[in-house]
C-alpha atoms as a PDB file:
ATOM      1  CA  MET A   1     -36.106 -18.725 -19.395  1.00  0.00           C
ATOM      2  CA  SER A   2     -32.858 -19.062 -17.437  1.00  0.00           C
ATOM      3  CA  SER A   3     -31.207 -22.376 -16.685  1.00  0.00           C
ATOM      4  CA  LYS A   4     -30.899 -23.641 -13.107  1.00  0.00           C
ATOM      5  CA  ASN A   5     -27.204 -22.672 -12.763  1.00  0.00           C
ATOM      6  CA  GLU A   6     -27.363 -19.299 -14.508  1.00  0.00           C
ATOM      7  CA  ILE A   7     -26.586 -16.120 -12.560  1.00  0.00           C
ATOM      8  CA  CYS A   8     -29.768 -14.025 -12.411  1.00  0.00           C
ATOM      9  CA  ALA A   9     -28.324 -10.821 -10.880  1.00  0.00           C
ATOM     10  CA  ILE A  10     -24.951  -9.150 -10.419  1.00  0.00           C
ATOM     11  CA  ILE A  11     -23.833  -6.239  -8.253  1.00  0.00           C
ATOM     12  CA  GLU A  12     -20.587  -5.313  -9.982  1.00  0.00           C
ATOM     13  CA  GLU A  13     -17.401  -3.821  -8.569  1.00  0.00           C
ATOM     14  CA  GLY A  14     -17.917  -0.081  -8.113  1.00  0.00           C
ATOM     15  CA  CYS A  15     -21.632  -0.531  -7.312  1.00  0.00           C
ATOM     16  CA  ARG A  16     -23.042   0.042  -3.835  1.00  0.00           C
ATOM     17  CA  PHE A  17     -26.334  -1.300  -2.441  1.00  0.00           C
ATOM     18  CA  GLU A  18     -27.844  -0.371   0.927  1.00  0.00           C
ATOM     19  CA  GLY A  19     -30.994  -2.021   2.246  1.00  0.00           C
ATOM     20  CA  ASN A  20     -32.679  -5.406   2.129  1.00  0.00           C
ATOM     21  CA  LEU A  21     -31.754  -7.581  -0.847  1.00  0.00           C
ATOM     22  CA  SER A  22     -34.043 -10.541  -1.566  1.00  0.00           C
ATOM     23  CA  PHE A  23     -33.705 -12.787  -4.611  1.00  0.00           C
ATOM     24  CA  ASN A  24     -34.480 -16.111  -6.268  1.00  0.00           C
ATOM     25  CA  GLY A  25     -31.715 -17.739  -8.281  1.00  0.00           C
ATOM     26  CA  ILE A  26     -27.946 -17.269  -8.173  1.00  0.00           C
ATOM     27  CA  VAL A  27     -26.608 -13.794  -7.371  1.00  0.00           C
ATOM     28  CA  ARG A  28     -22.978 -12.661  -7.606  1.00  0.00           C
ATOM     29  CA  ILE A  29     -21.815  -9.640  -5.623  1.00  0.00           C
ATOM     30  CA  SER A  30     -18.543  -7.919  -6.522  1.00  0.00           C
ATOM     31  CA  GLY A  31     -19.414  -4.497  -5.077  1.00  0.00           C
ATOM     32  CA  VAL A  32     -20.416  -3.200  -1.644  1.00  0.00           C
ATOM     33  CA  VAL A  33     -23.617  -4.281   0.143  1.00  0.00           C
ATOM     34  CA  THR A  34     -24.847  -3.039   3.522  1.00  0.00           C
ATOM     35  CA  GLY A  35     -28.065  -4.289   5.123  1.00  0.00           C
ATOM     36  CA  SER A  36     -29.481  -7.794   4.811  1.00  0.00           C
ATOM     37  CA  ILE A  37     -29.523 -10.461   2.108  1.00  0.00           C
ATOM     38  CA  PHE A  38     -32.099 -13.253   1.741  1.00  0.00           C
ATOM     39  CA  SER A  39     -32.330 -16.007  -0.855  1.00  0.00           C
ATOM     40  CA  ASN A  40     -33.637 -19.521  -1.271  1.00  0.00           C
ATOM     41  CA  ASP A  41     -30.722 -20.172  -3.666  1.00  0.00           C
ATOM     42  CA  THR A  42     -27.007 -19.311  -3.992  1.00  0.00           C
ATOM     43  CA  LEU A  43     -25.082 -16.170  -3.069  1.00  0.00           C
ATOM     44  CA  VAL A  44     -21.573 -15.728  -4.521  1.00  0.00           C
ATOM     45  CA  VAL A  45     -19.416 -13.060  -2.834  1.00  0.00           C
ATOM     46  CA  SER A  46     -16.542 -12.399  -5.238  1.00  0.00           C
ATOM     47  CA  GLU A  47     -12.998 -11.383  -4.361  1.00  0.00           C
ATOM     48  CA  GLY A  48     -12.981  -7.615  -3.777  1.00  0.00           C
ATOM     49  CA  ALA A  49     -16.608  -7.493  -2.600  1.00  0.00           C
ATOM     50  CA  VAL A  50     -17.363  -5.949   0.795  1.00  0.00           C
ATOM     51  CA  ILE A  51     -20.504  -7.139   2.573  1.00  0.00           C
ATOM     52  CA  ASN A  52     -21.688  -5.731   5.909  1.00  0.00           C
ATOM     53  CA  ALA A  53     -24.954  -7.619   6.275  1.00  0.00           C
ATOM     54  CA  ASP A  54     -26.764 -10.539   7.799  1.00  0.00           C
ATOM     55  CA  ILE A  55     -27.168 -13.229   5.136  1.00  0.00           C
ATOM     56  CA  ASN A  56     -29.716 -16.050   4.822  1.00  0.00           C
ATOM     57  CA  ALA A  57     -29.383 -18.331   1.782  1.00  0.00           C
ATOM     58  CA  SER A  58     -29.222 -21.968   0.768  1.00  0.00           C
ATOM     59  CA  VAL A  59     -25.587 -21.874  -0.409  1.00  0.00           C
ATOM     60  CA  ILE A  60     -23.122 -19.072   0.415  1.00  0.00           C
ATOM     61  CA  LEU A  61     -19.757 -18.934  -1.405  1.00  0.00           C
ATOM     62  CA  ILE A  62     -17.369 -16.263  -0.086  1.00  0.00           C
ATOM     63  CA  SER A  63     -14.108 -15.018  -1.615  1.00  0.00           C
ATOM     64  CA  GLY A  64     -14.474 -11.371  -0.528  1.00  0.00           C
ATOM     65  CA  THR A  65     -14.943  -9.616   2.817  1.00  0.00           C
ATOM     66  CA  VAL A  66     -18.055 -10.353   4.891  1.00  0.00           C
ATOM     67  CA  LYS A  67     -18.990  -8.941   8.294  1.00  0.00           C
ATOM     68  CA  GLY A  68     -22.258 -10.186   9.764  1.00  0.00           C
ATOM     69  CA  ASN A  69     -24.190 -13.268  10.743  1.00  0.00           C
ATOM     70  CA  ILE A  70     -24.761 -15.821   8.014  1.00  0.00           C
ATOM     71  CA  LYS A  71     -27.178 -18.740   7.937  1.00  0.00           C
ATOM     72  CA  ALA A  72     -27.148 -21.340   5.179  1.00  0.00           C
ATOM     73  CA  THR A  73     -29.596 -24.213   4.827  1.00  0.00           C
ATOM     74  CA  SER A  74     -27.153 -26.228   2.669  1.00  0.00           C
ATOM     75  CA  ARG A  75     -23.516 -25.070   2.960  1.00  0.00           C
ATOM     76  CA  VAL A  76     -21.026 -22.224   3.365  1.00  0.00           C
ATOM     77  CA  GLU A  77     -17.672 -22.169   1.561  1.00  0.00           C
ATOM     78  CA  ILE A  78     -15.107 -19.511   2.491  1.00  0.00           C
ATOM     79  CA  ARG A  79     -12.211 -19.384   0.045  1.00  0.00           C
ATOM     80  CA  LYS A  80      -8.971 -17.432   0.155  1.00  0.00           C
ATOM     81  CA  PRO A  81      -8.411 -14.482   0.080  1.00  0.00           C
ATOM     82  CA  ALA A  82     -11.688 -14.058   2.022  1.00  0.00           C
ATOM     83  CA  ARG A  83     -12.035 -12.265   5.336  1.00  0.00           C
ATOM     84  CA  PHE A  84     -14.975 -13.127   7.588  1.00  0.00           C
ATOM     85  CA  GLU A  85     -16.165 -11.692  10.894  1.00  0.00           C
ATOM     86  CA  GLY A  86     -19.366 -12.908  12.528  1.00  0.00           C
ATOM     87  CA  THR A  87     -21.330 -16.096  13.121  1.00  0.00           C
ATOM     88  CA  VAL A  88     -21.846 -18.919  10.622  1.00  0.00           C
ATOM     89  CA  THR A  89     -24.815 -21.260  11.093  1.00  0.00           C
ATOM     90  CA  SER A  90     -24.861 -24.093   8.565  1.00  0.00           C
ATOM     91  CA  PRO A  91     -24.959 -27.893   8.333  1.00  0.00           C
ATOM     92  CA  SER A  92     -21.757 -27.766   6.233  1.00  0.00           C
ATOM     93  CA  LEU A  93     -18.804 -25.346   6.433  1.00  0.00           C
ATOM     94  CA  ILE A  94     -15.634 -25.360   4.328  1.00  0.00           C
ATOM     95  CA  VAL A  95     -12.877 -22.858   5.180  1.00  0.00           C
ATOM     96  CA  GLU A  96      -9.893 -22.853   2.846  1.00  0.00           C
ATOM     97  CA  GLU A  97      -6.380 -22.430   4.232  1.00  0.00           C
ATOM     98  CA  GLY A  98      -5.340 -18.766   4.094  1.00  0.00           C
ATOM     99  CA  VAL A  99      -8.775 -17.347   4.948  1.00  0.00           C
ATOM    100  CA  ILE A 100      -8.955 -14.815   7.787  1.00  0.00           C
ATOM    101  CA  PHE A 101     -11.816 -16.028  10.014  1.00  0.00           C
ATOM    102  CA  HIS A 102     -12.848 -14.167  13.174  1.00  0.00           C
ATOM    103  CA  GLY A 103     -16.056 -15.732  14.300  1.00  0.00           C
ATOM    104  CA  ILE A 104     -18.198 -18.462  15.689  1.00  0.00           C
ATOM    105  CA  THR A 105     -19.569 -21.525  13.931  1.00  0.00           C
ATOM    106  CA  LYS A 106     -22.838 -23.259  14.718  1.00  0.00           C
ATOM    107  CA  MET A 107     -23.267 -26.544  12.908  1.00  0.00           C
ATOM    108  CA  LYS A 108     -26.802 -27.788  12.426  1.00  0.00           C
ATOM    109  CA  ASP A 109     -27.718 -31.287  11.323  1.00  0.00           C
ATOM    110  CA  LYS A 110     -29.162 -31.563   7.823  1.00  0.00           C
ATOM    111  CA  LYS A 111     -32.804 -32.544   8.119  1.00  0.00           C
END
């Protein structure tokens, strides 16, 4: 049985996924994903990853390139050298200095 903070799936650099990705647990993406991503847990977008998808997750951590609309129930962190284009809806958003951000933010109160 995996521990609470253990990564349960990885899409490595050089891998490509097209379609709807749904998961439980922490997932790290270092490759290319096109489509949509849904999780009740954490999505980690590594440096070098390219995501062209709408994303719904509890926590979204971005260091790669993301184009799409993202919704997080807990928080979104965008860290350099990330590039983001789209809309972020989240009760908490952290954007590190040096990130390229072309988008809109919608802050929702935590319930």
